[in-house]
Amino acid sequence: MNPVRKKRLYIVLAILAGVGVAVTLALSALQENINLFYTPTQIAAGEAPEGTRIRAGGLVEMGSVQRSNDSLGVSFRVTDNNETVTIRYQGILPDLFREGQGIVALGRVNGEGVLVADEVLAKHDENYMPPEVSQALEKSGMMKHYEGGKRSMRNDP
């Protein structure tokens, strides 16, 4: 083989190897930062992977919020009208968090099927709901129930 061709071949192979390494690093970084959304029904059915950070959402069940007396720990149940999942959170909940409202929690499902959240997001105003929660509620037929509850919470006629 001609020395010039051999040099070009090595350069092309080095470029391809560099691009391959860069693509591999980019894909592994993206995979670590992906947070897939799961409904309470999917979590209860075991579809959510244990130990992997996920997003879960639904409506906070009325009367389910339990606060710890000696710490910032709180436990509450979230439902999509089919199934209910318990969420435990250590920290200060958003000001807009309340029962009967749509939320999204980010965390990991433990062996008991409880979502141990490290972040809880509440809606911004009374007309906003995270798109994933809205779609899950529409699928389960609970969106009408939520909208009816929203009017009664505002005391509208």
N, C-alpha and C. Protein backbone atom coordinates (compact mmCIF):
# COMPACT_ATOMS: atom_id res chain seq x y z
N MET A 1 0.85 -1.18 0.00
CA MET A 1 0.00 0.00 0.00
C MET A 1 0.89 1.23 0.00
N ASN A 2 0.45 2.20 -0.75
CA ASN A 2 1.18 3.46 -0.89
C ASN A 2 1.22 4.16 0.47
N PRO A 3 2.35 4.73 0.91
CA PRO A 3 2.45 5.40 2.20
C PRO A 3 1.46 6.56 2.36
N VAL A 4 1.15 7.27 1.30
CA VAL A 4 0.20 8.38 1.38
C VAL A 4 -1.21 7.85 1.65
N ARG A 5 -1.57 6.77 0.97
CA ARG A 5 -2.89 6.16 1.19
C ARG A 5 -2.99 5.58 2.60
N LYS A 6 -1.90 4.99 3.05
CA LYS A 6 -1.87 4.43 4.39
C LYS A 6 -2.08 5.52 5.44
N LYS A 7 -1.45 6.66 5.24
CA LYS A 7 -1.59 7.80 6.16
C LYS A 7 -3.03 8.31 6.15
N ARG A 8 -3.62 8.43 4.97
CA ARG A 8 -5.01 8.89 4.86
C ARG A 8 -5.97 7.90 5.54
N LEU A 9 -5.72 6.62 5.37
CA LEU A 9 -6.55 5.59 5.99
C LEU A 9 -6.50 5.72 7.50
N TYR A 10 -5.30 5.93 8.07
CA TYR A 10 -5.17 6.10 9.51
C TYR A 10 -5.89 7.35 10.00
N ILE A 11 -5.83 8.40 9.23
CA ILE A 11 -6.52 9.65 9.60
C ILE A 11 -8.03 9.44 9.59
N VAL A 12 -8.56 8.80 8.56
CA VAL A 12 -10.00 8.54 8.47
C VAL A 12 -10.44 7.62 9.61
N LEU A 13 -9.67 6.58 9.91
CA LEU A 13 -10.01 5.68 11.01
C LEU A 13 -9.96 6.41 12.36
N ALA A 14 -9.00 7.30 12.54
CA ALA A 14 -8.91 8.07 13.79
C ALA A 14 -10.11 9.01 13.93
N ILE A 15 -10.53 9.63 12.84
CA ILE A 15 -11.71 10.52 12.88
C ILE A 15 -12.96 9.71 13.20
N LEU A 16 -13.15 8.56 12.56
CA LEU A 16 -14.31 7.71 12.83
C LEU A 16 -14.31 7.23 14.29
N ALA A 17 -13.16 6.87 14.82
CA ALA A 17 -13.08 6.44 16.22
C ALA A 17 -13.42 7.60 17.15
N GLY A 18 -12.95 8.79 16.85
CA GLY A 18 -13.26 9.97 17.67
C GLY A 18 -14.74 10.30 17.65
N VAL A 19 -15.36 10.23 16.48
CA VAL A 19 -16.79 10.48 16.37
C VAL A 19 -17.57 9.41 17.14
N GLY A 20 -17.14 8.17 17.04
CA GLY A 20 -17.81 7.08 17.76
C GLY A 20 -17.74 7.28 19.26
N VAL A 21 -16.59 7.67 19.78
CA VAL A 21 -16.44 7.93 21.21
C VAL A 21 -17.32 9.11 21.64
N ALA A 22 -17.35 10.17 20.84
CA ALA A 22 -18.17 11.34 21.17
C ALA A 22 -19.66 10.99 21.20
N VAL A 23 -20.12 10.22 20.24
CA VAL A 23 -21.53 9.81 20.19
C VAL A 23 -21.87 8.93 21.39
N THR A 24 -20.98 8.01 21.73
CA THR A 24 -21.20 7.14 22.89
C THR A 24 -21.30 7.94 24.17
N LEU A 25 -20.40 8.89 24.38
CA LEU A 25 -20.44 9.73 25.57
C LEU A 25 -21.71 10.58 25.62
N ALA A 26 -22.11 11.13 24.50
CA ALA A 26 -23.33 11.95 24.46
C ALA A 26 -24.57 11.12 24.78
N LEU A 27 -24.67 9.94 24.21
CA LEU A 27 -25.83 9.09 24.47
C LEU A 27 -25.88 8.61 25.92
N SER A 28 -24.74 8.29 26.50
CA SER A 28 -24.75 7.85 27.90
C SER A 28 -25.13 9.01 28.82
N ALA A 29 -24.68 10.22 28.52
CA ALA A 29 -25.05 11.39 29.33
C ALA A 29 -26.55 11.68 29.21
N LEU A 30 -27.10 11.55 28.03
CA LEU A 30 -28.53 11.78 27.84
C LEU A 30 -29.36 10.72 28.55
N GLN A 31 -28.91 9.49 28.51
CA GLN A 31 -29.66 8.40 29.13
C GLN A 31 -29.72 8.58 30.65
N GLU A 32 -28.68 9.11 31.26
CA GLU A 32 -28.67 9.34 32.70
C GLU A 32 -29.63 10.45 33.10
N ASN A 33 -29.89 11.39 32.21
CA ASN A 33 -30.71 12.55 32.53
C ASN A 33 -32.16 12.43 32.08
N ILE A 34 -32.54 11.29 31.54
CA ILE A 34 -33.92 11.10 31.09
C ILE A 34 -34.80 10.76 32.30
N ASN A 35 -35.92 11.46 32.42
CA ASN A 35 -36.90 11.17 33.47
C ASN A 35 -38.22 10.85 32.80
N LEU A 36 -38.55 9.59 32.67
CA LEU A 36 -39.79 9.19 32.03
C LEU A 36 -40.96 9.40 32.98
N PHE A 37 -42.13 9.72 32.42
CA PHE A 37 -43.33 9.98 33.21
C PHE A 37 -44.13 8.69 33.35
N TYR A 38 -44.58 8.41 34.59
CA TYR A 38 -45.42 7.25 34.86
C TYR A 38 -46.64 7.69 35.66
N THR A 39 -47.78 7.09 35.34
CA THR A 39 -49.01 7.36 36.08
C THR A 39 -49.06 6.43 37.29
N PRO A 40 -49.91 6.72 38.28
CA PRO A 40 -50.06 5.80 39.41
C PRO A 40 -50.45 4.38 38.98
N THR A 41 -51.26 4.24 37.94
CA THR A 41 -51.63 2.91 37.44
C THR A 41 -50.40 2.15 36.95
N GLN A 42 -49.52 2.83 36.22
CA GLN A 42 -48.31 2.18 35.72
C GLN A 42 -47.38 1.80 36.87
N ILE A 43 -47.27 2.67 37.88
CA ILE A 43 -46.41 2.37 39.02
C ILE A 43 -46.96 1.18 39.79
N ALA A 44 -48.27 1.16 40.02
CA ALA A 44 -48.89 0.05 40.75
C ALA A 44 -48.76 -1.27 39.99
N ALA A 45 -48.76 -1.21 38.66
CA ALA A 45 -48.63 -2.42 37.84
C ALA A 45 -47.17 -2.88 37.75
N GLY A 46 -46.24 -2.12 38.31
CA GLY A 46 -44.84 -2.50 38.29
C GLY A 46 -44.11 -2.11 37.03
N GLU A 47 -44.69 -1.23 36.21
CA GLU A 47 -44.04 -0.81 34.98
C GLU A 47 -42.90 0.17 35.23
N ALA A 48 -42.95 0.89 36.33
CA ALA A 48 -41.89 1.85 36.66
C ALA A 48 -40.69 1.11 37.23
N PRO A 49 -39.51 1.36 36.71
CA PRO A 49 -38.33 0.65 37.20
C PRO A 49 -37.94 1.10 38.61
N GLU A 50 -37.58 0.15 39.46
CA GLU A 50 -37.14 0.47 40.82
C GLU A 50 -35.75 1.09 40.77
N GLY A 51 -35.55 2.13 41.59
CA GLY A 51 -34.23 2.74 41.72
C GLY A 51 -33.86 3.71 40.62
N THR A 52 -34.66 3.82 39.57
CA THR A 52 -34.39 4.75 38.48
C THR A 52 -35.21 6.01 38.71
N ARG A 53 -34.61 7.17 38.47
CA ARG A 53 -35.33 8.44 38.69
C ARG A 53 -36.40 8.60 37.62
N ILE A 54 -37.63 8.81 38.08
CA ILE A 54 -38.78 8.96 37.19
C ILE A 54 -39.60 10.18 37.59
N ARG A 55 -40.55 10.54 36.74
CA ARG A 55 -41.56 11.54 37.08
C ARG A 55 -42.88 10.82 37.22
N ALA A 56 -43.63 11.17 38.25
CA ALA A 56 -44.95 10.58 38.45
C ALA A 56 -45.91 11.70 38.78
N GLY A 57 -47.14 11.57 38.36
CA GLY A 57 -48.08 12.64 38.63
C GLY A 57 -49.51 12.18 38.65
N GLY A 58 -50.34 13.04 39.16
CA GLY A 58 -51.76 12.79 39.27
C GLY A 58 -52.34 13.80 40.22
N LEU A 59 -53.52 13.49 40.76
CA LEU A 59 -54.18 14.38 41.71
C LEU A 59 -53.87 13.93 43.13
N VAL A 60 -53.58 14.89 44.00
CA VAL A 60 -53.35 14.58 45.41
C VAL A 60 -54.70 14.23 46.02
N GLU A 61 -54.79 13.04 46.61
CA GLU A 61 -56.05 12.59 47.22
C GLU A 61 -56.42 13.47 48.40
N MET A 62 -57.70 13.74 48.52
CA MET A 62 -58.20 14.52 49.64
C MET A 62 -57.98 13.75 50.94
N GLY A 63 -57.45 14.42 51.96
CA GLY A 63 -57.24 13.81 53.27
C GLY A 63 -56.05 12.88 53.35
N SER A 64 -55.19 12.86 52.34
CA SER A 64 -54.08 11.92 52.34
C SER A 64 -52.75 12.52 52.80
N VAL A 65 -52.69 13.83 52.94
CA VAL A 65 -51.42 14.48 53.31
C VAL A 65 -51.15 14.27 54.79
N GLN A 66 -50.00 13.67 55.09
CA GLN A 66 -49.58 13.44 56.47
C GLN A 66 -48.20 14.05 56.66
N ARG A 67 -48.11 15.04 57.56
CA ARG A 67 -46.85 15.72 57.83
C ARG A 67 -46.21 15.17 59.09
N SER A 68 -44.90 15.07 59.09
CA SER A 68 -44.17 14.61 60.26
C SER A 68 -44.11 15.74 61.28
N ASN A 69 -44.22 15.41 62.56
CA ASN A 69 -44.19 16.43 63.61
C ASN A 69 -42.78 16.92 63.91
N ASP A 70 -41.77 16.09 63.66
CA ASP A 70 -40.42 16.45 64.07
C ASP A 70 -39.46 16.72 62.90
N SER A 71 -39.95 16.70 61.68
CA SER A 71 -39.08 16.98 60.53
C SER A 71 -39.90 17.58 59.39
N LEU A 72 -39.25 17.79 58.25
CA LEU A 72 -39.95 18.32 57.08
C LEU A 72 -40.53 17.21 56.21
N GLY A 73 -40.58 16.00 56.73
CA GLY A 73 -41.10 14.87 55.98
C GLY A 73 -42.60 14.95 55.79
N VAL A 74 -43.04 14.59 54.61
CA VAL A 74 -44.47 14.57 54.30
C VAL A 74 -44.75 13.35 53.43
N SER A 75 -45.91 12.78 53.63
CA SER A 75 -46.35 11.63 52.85
C SER A 75 -47.76 11.93 52.35
N PHE A 76 -48.02 11.61 51.09
CA PHE A 76 -49.35 11.82 50.53
C PHE A 76 -49.58 10.83 49.41
N ARG A 77 -50.84 10.67 49.03
CA ARG A 77 -51.21 9.75 47.96
C ARG A 77 -51.64 10.54 46.73
N VAL A 78 -51.24 10.01 45.59
CA VAL A 78 -51.60 10.60 44.30
C VAL A 78 -52.37 9.56 43.52
N THR A 79 -53.43 9.99 42.85
CA THR A 79 -54.29 9.06 42.12
C THR A 79 -54.53 9.53 40.70
N ASP A 80 -54.85 8.57 39.84
CA ASP A 80 -55.34 8.87 38.49
C ASP A 80 -56.74 8.29 38.31
N ASN A 81 -57.40 8.03 39.43
CA ASN A 81 -58.76 7.51 39.51
C ASN A 81 -58.84 6.00 39.29
N ASN A 82 -57.73 5.39 38.88
CA ASN A 82 -57.69 3.93 38.75
C ASN A 82 -56.89 3.33 39.89
N GLU A 83 -55.72 3.87 40.13
CA GLU A 83 -54.81 3.39 41.16
C GLU A 83 -54.30 4.57 41.96
N THR A 84 -53.72 4.25 43.10
CA THR A 84 -53.16 5.27 43.98
C THR A 84 -51.74 4.88 44.33
N VAL A 85 -50.85 5.85 44.38
CA VAL A 85 -49.47 5.60 44.78
C VAL A 85 -49.10 6.57 45.90
N THR A 86 -48.36 6.07 46.88
CA THR A 86 -47.91 6.90 47.99
C THR A 86 -46.60 7.56 47.61
N ILE A 87 -46.49 8.84 47.94
CA ILE A 87 -45.27 9.60 47.69
C ILE A 87 -44.76 10.12 49.02
N ARG A 88 -43.47 9.92 49.27
CA ARG A 88 -42.82 10.47 50.45
C ARG A 88 -41.83 11.53 49.99
N TYR A 89 -41.84 12.65 50.70
CA TYR A 89 -40.98 13.77 50.33
C TYR A 89 -40.39 14.38 51.59
N GLN A 90 -39.12 14.70 51.54
CA GLN A 90 -38.43 15.34 52.65
C GLN A 90 -38.05 16.74 52.19
N GLY A 91 -38.73 17.75 52.70
CA GLY A 91 -38.43 19.12 52.32
C GLY A 91 -39.68 19.98 52.40
N ILE A 92 -39.53 21.20 51.90
CA ILE A 92 -40.64 22.15 51.92
C ILE A 92 -41.42 22.00 50.61
N LEU A 93 -42.71 21.76 50.73
CA LEU A 93 -43.56 21.63 49.55
C LEU A 93 -43.79 23.00 48.93
N PRO A 94 -44.07 23.04 47.61
CA PRO A 94 -44.36 24.32 46.97
C PRO A 94 -45.55 25.00 47.62
N ASP A 95 -45.59 26.33 47.58
CA ASP A 95 -46.69 27.09 48.16
C ASP A 95 -48.03 26.71 47.56
N LEU A 96 -48.04 26.33 46.29
CA LEU A 96 -49.29 26.03 45.59
C LEU A 96 -49.75 24.59 45.78
N PHE A 97 -49.02 23.79 46.54
CA PHE A 97 -49.38 22.39 46.78
C PHE A 97 -50.60 22.34 47.69
N ARG A 98 -51.60 21.54 47.30
CA ARG A 98 -52.77 21.32 48.15
C ARG A 98 -53.48 20.05 47.67
N GLU A 99 -54.38 19.56 48.51
CA GLU A 99 -55.13 18.37 48.17
C GLU A 99 -56.09 18.67 47.02
N GLY A 100 -56.31 17.67 46.17
CA GLY A 100 -57.22 17.82 45.05
C GLY A 100 -56.59 18.50 43.85
N GLN A 101 -55.29 18.69 43.87
CA GLN A 101 -54.60 19.41 42.81
C GLN A 101 -53.65 18.48 42.07
N GLY A 102 -53.39 18.76 40.80
CA GLY A 102 -52.45 17.99 40.01
C GLY A 102 -51.02 18.36 40.35
N ILE A 103 -50.18 17.35 40.55
CA ILE A 103 -48.77 17.56 40.83
C ILE A 103 -47.92 16.59 40.02
N VAL A 104 -46.63 16.89 39.94
CA VAL A 104 -45.65 15.99 39.37
C VAL A 104 -44.53 15.87 40.39
N ALA A 105 -44.15 14.64 40.72
CA ALA A 105 -43.06 14.39 41.66
C ALA A 105 -41.94 13.66 40.93
N LEU A 106 -40.71 14.06 41.22
CA LEU A 106 -39.54 13.42 40.65
C LEU A 106 -38.84 12.64 41.75
N GLY A 107 -38.58 11.38 41.50
CA GLY A 107 -37.92 10.56 42.51
C GLY A 107 -37.76 9.13 42.05
N ARG A 108 -37.54 8.24 43.02
CA ARG A 108 -37.30 6.83 42.73
C ARG A 108 -38.32 5.95 43.45
N VAL A 109 -38.78 4.91 42.78
CA VAL A 109 -39.71 3.96 43.38
C VAL A 109 -38.88 2.95 44.18
N ASN A 110 -39.28 2.73 45.44
CA ASN A 110 -38.56 1.76 46.27
C ASN A 110 -39.22 0.39 46.15
N GLY A 111 -38.73 -0.58 46.90
CA GLY A 111 -39.23 -1.95 46.85
C GLY A 111 -40.66 -2.10 47.30
N GLU A 112 -41.17 -1.15 48.09
CA GLU A 112 -42.55 -1.20 48.58
C GLU A 112 -43.54 -0.58 47.59
N GLY A 113 -43.06 -0.05 46.48
CA GLY A 113 -43.94 0.62 45.52
C GLY A 113 -44.23 2.06 45.89
N VAL A 114 -43.45 2.62 46.82
CA VAL A 114 -43.61 4.01 47.25
C VAL A 114 -42.60 4.86 46.49
N LEU A 115 -43.06 6.00 45.99
CA LEU A 115 -42.16 6.92 45.30
C LEU A 115 -41.51 7.82 46.33
N VAL A 116 -40.20 7.73 46.45
CA VAL A 116 -39.45 8.60 47.36
C VAL A 116 -38.99 9.78 46.51
N ALA A 117 -39.66 10.91 46.68
CA ALA A 117 -39.45 12.07 45.82
C ALA A 117 -38.33 12.95 46.34
N ASP A 118 -37.58 13.52 45.41
CA ASP A 118 -36.60 14.52 45.78
C ASP A 118 -37.01 15.91 45.27
N GLU A 119 -38.13 15.94 44.52
CA GLU A 119 -38.65 17.22 44.04
C GLU A 119 -40.16 17.06 43.78
N VAL A 120 -40.94 18.05 44.19
CA VAL A 120 -42.38 18.05 43.95
C VAL A 120 -42.72 19.36 43.25
N LEU A 121 -43.42 19.25 42.13
CA LEU A 121 -43.82 20.42 41.35
C LEU A 121 -45.34 20.55 41.41
N ALA A 122 -45.82 21.76 41.66
CA ALA A 122 -47.25 22.03 41.68
C ALA A 122 -47.60 22.95 40.52
N LYS A 123 -48.87 23.00 40.20
CA LYS A 123 -49.29 23.83 39.07
C LYS A 123 -49.04 25.31 39.37
N HIS A 124 -48.91 26.10 38.32
CA HIS A 124 -48.60 27.52 38.48
C HIS A 124 -49.81 28.37 38.81
N ASP A 125 -50.91 28.08 38.20
CA ASP A 125 -52.14 28.80 38.51
C ASP A 125 -53.30 27.83 38.37
N GLU A 126 -54.51 28.29 38.59
CA GLU A 126 -55.63 27.35 38.61
C GLU A 126 -55.99 26.80 37.24
N ASN A 127 -55.47 27.39 36.16
CA ASN A 127 -55.77 26.88 34.82
C ASN A 127 -54.68 25.97 34.28
N TYR A 128 -53.53 25.92 34.95
CA TYR A 128 -52.41 25.14 34.44
C TYR A 128 -52.35 23.77 35.12
N MET A 129 -52.06 22.76 34.32
CA MET A 129 -51.78 21.43 34.85
C MET A 129 -50.67 20.86 33.96
N PRO A 130 -49.68 20.18 34.54
CA PRO A 130 -48.64 19.59 33.71
C PRO A 130 -49.26 18.72 32.61
N PRO A 131 -48.74 18.80 31.39
CA PRO A 131 -49.35 18.07 30.27
C PRO A 131 -49.46 16.58 30.52
N GLU A 132 -48.46 15.97 31.17
CA GLU A 132 -48.51 14.53 31.41
C GLU A 132 -49.67 14.18 32.34
N VAL A 133 -49.87 15.00 33.37
CA VAL A 133 -50.95 14.75 34.32
C VAL A 133 -52.30 14.93 33.62
N SER A 134 -52.41 15.98 32.81
CA SER A 134 -53.65 16.24 32.08
C SER A 134 -54.00 15.08 31.16
N GLN A 135 -53.02 14.55 30.43
CA GLN A 135 -53.27 13.43 29.53
C GLN A 135 -53.66 12.18 30.31
N ALA A 136 -52.99 11.93 31.42
CA ALA A 136 -53.31 10.75 32.22
C ALA A 136 -54.72 10.85 32.79
N LEU A 137 -55.13 12.04 33.22
CA LEU A 137 -56.47 12.22 33.76
C LEU A 137 -57.53 12.09 32.68
N GLU A 138 -57.24 12.60 31.49
CA GLU A 138 -58.19 12.45 30.38
C GLU A 138 -58.36 10.98 30.02
N LYS A 139 -57.25 10.23 30.01
CA LYS A 139 -57.32 8.80 29.69
C LYS A 139 -58.17 8.03 30.68
N SER A 140 -58.04 8.40 31.96
CA SER A 140 -58.77 7.66 33.00
C SER A 140 -60.19 8.17 33.18
N GLY A 141 -60.54 9.28 32.51
CA GLY A 141 -61.88 9.85 32.65
C GLY A 141 -62.03 10.70 33.90
N MET A 142 -60.95 11.00 34.58
CA MET A 142 -61.02 11.76 35.83
C MET A 142 -60.94 13.27 35.60
N MET A 143 -60.67 13.71 34.38
CA MET A 143 -60.54 15.13 34.11
C MET A 143 -61.84 15.87 34.41
N LYS A 144 -62.98 15.26 34.12
CA LYS A 144 -64.26 15.90 34.41
C LYS A 144 -64.44 16.05 35.92
N HIS A 145 -64.02 15.01 36.67
CA HIS A 145 -64.11 15.06 38.13
C HIS A 145 -63.21 16.18 38.67
N TYR A 146 -62.01 16.30 38.11
CA TYR A 146 -61.07 17.32 38.55
C TYR A 146 -61.64 18.71 38.28
N GLU A 147 -62.15 18.91 37.06
CA GLU A 147 -62.68 20.23 36.72
C GLU A 147 -63.87 20.59 37.60
N GLY A 148 -64.69 19.62 37.93
CA GLY A 148 -65.81 19.86 38.83
C GLY A 148 -65.32 20.22 40.22
N GLY A 149 -64.29 19.52 40.69
CA GLY A 149 -63.71 19.80 42.01
C GLY A 149 -63.05 21.15 42.05
N LYS A 150 -62.47 21.56 40.92
CA LYS A 150 -61.79 22.86 40.85
C LYS A 150 -62.82 23.97 41.05
N ARG A 151 -63.99 23.82 40.42
CA ARG A 151 -65.02 24.86 40.58
C ARG A 151 -65.49 24.92 42.02
N SER A 152 -65.64 23.74 42.65
CA SER A 152 -66.14 23.75 44.03
C SER A 152 -65.08 24.29 44.98
N MET A 153 -63.79 24.12 44.64
CA MET A 153 -62.74 24.68 45.50
C MET A 153 -62.73 26.20 45.43
N ARG A 154 -63.14 26.75 44.28
CA ARG A 154 -63.15 28.20 44.11
C ARG A 154 -64.46 28.80 44.60
N ASN A 155 -65.42 27.96 44.92
CA ASN A 155 -66.74 28.40 45.35
C ASN A 155 -67.50 29.15 44.27
N ASP A 156 -67.29 28.72 43.01
CA ASP A 156 -68.05 29.31 41.91
C ASP A 156 -69.41 28.62 41.84
N PRO A 157 -70.42 29.33 41.36
CA PRO A 157 -71.74 28.69 41.21
C PRO A 157 -71.77 27.68 40.10
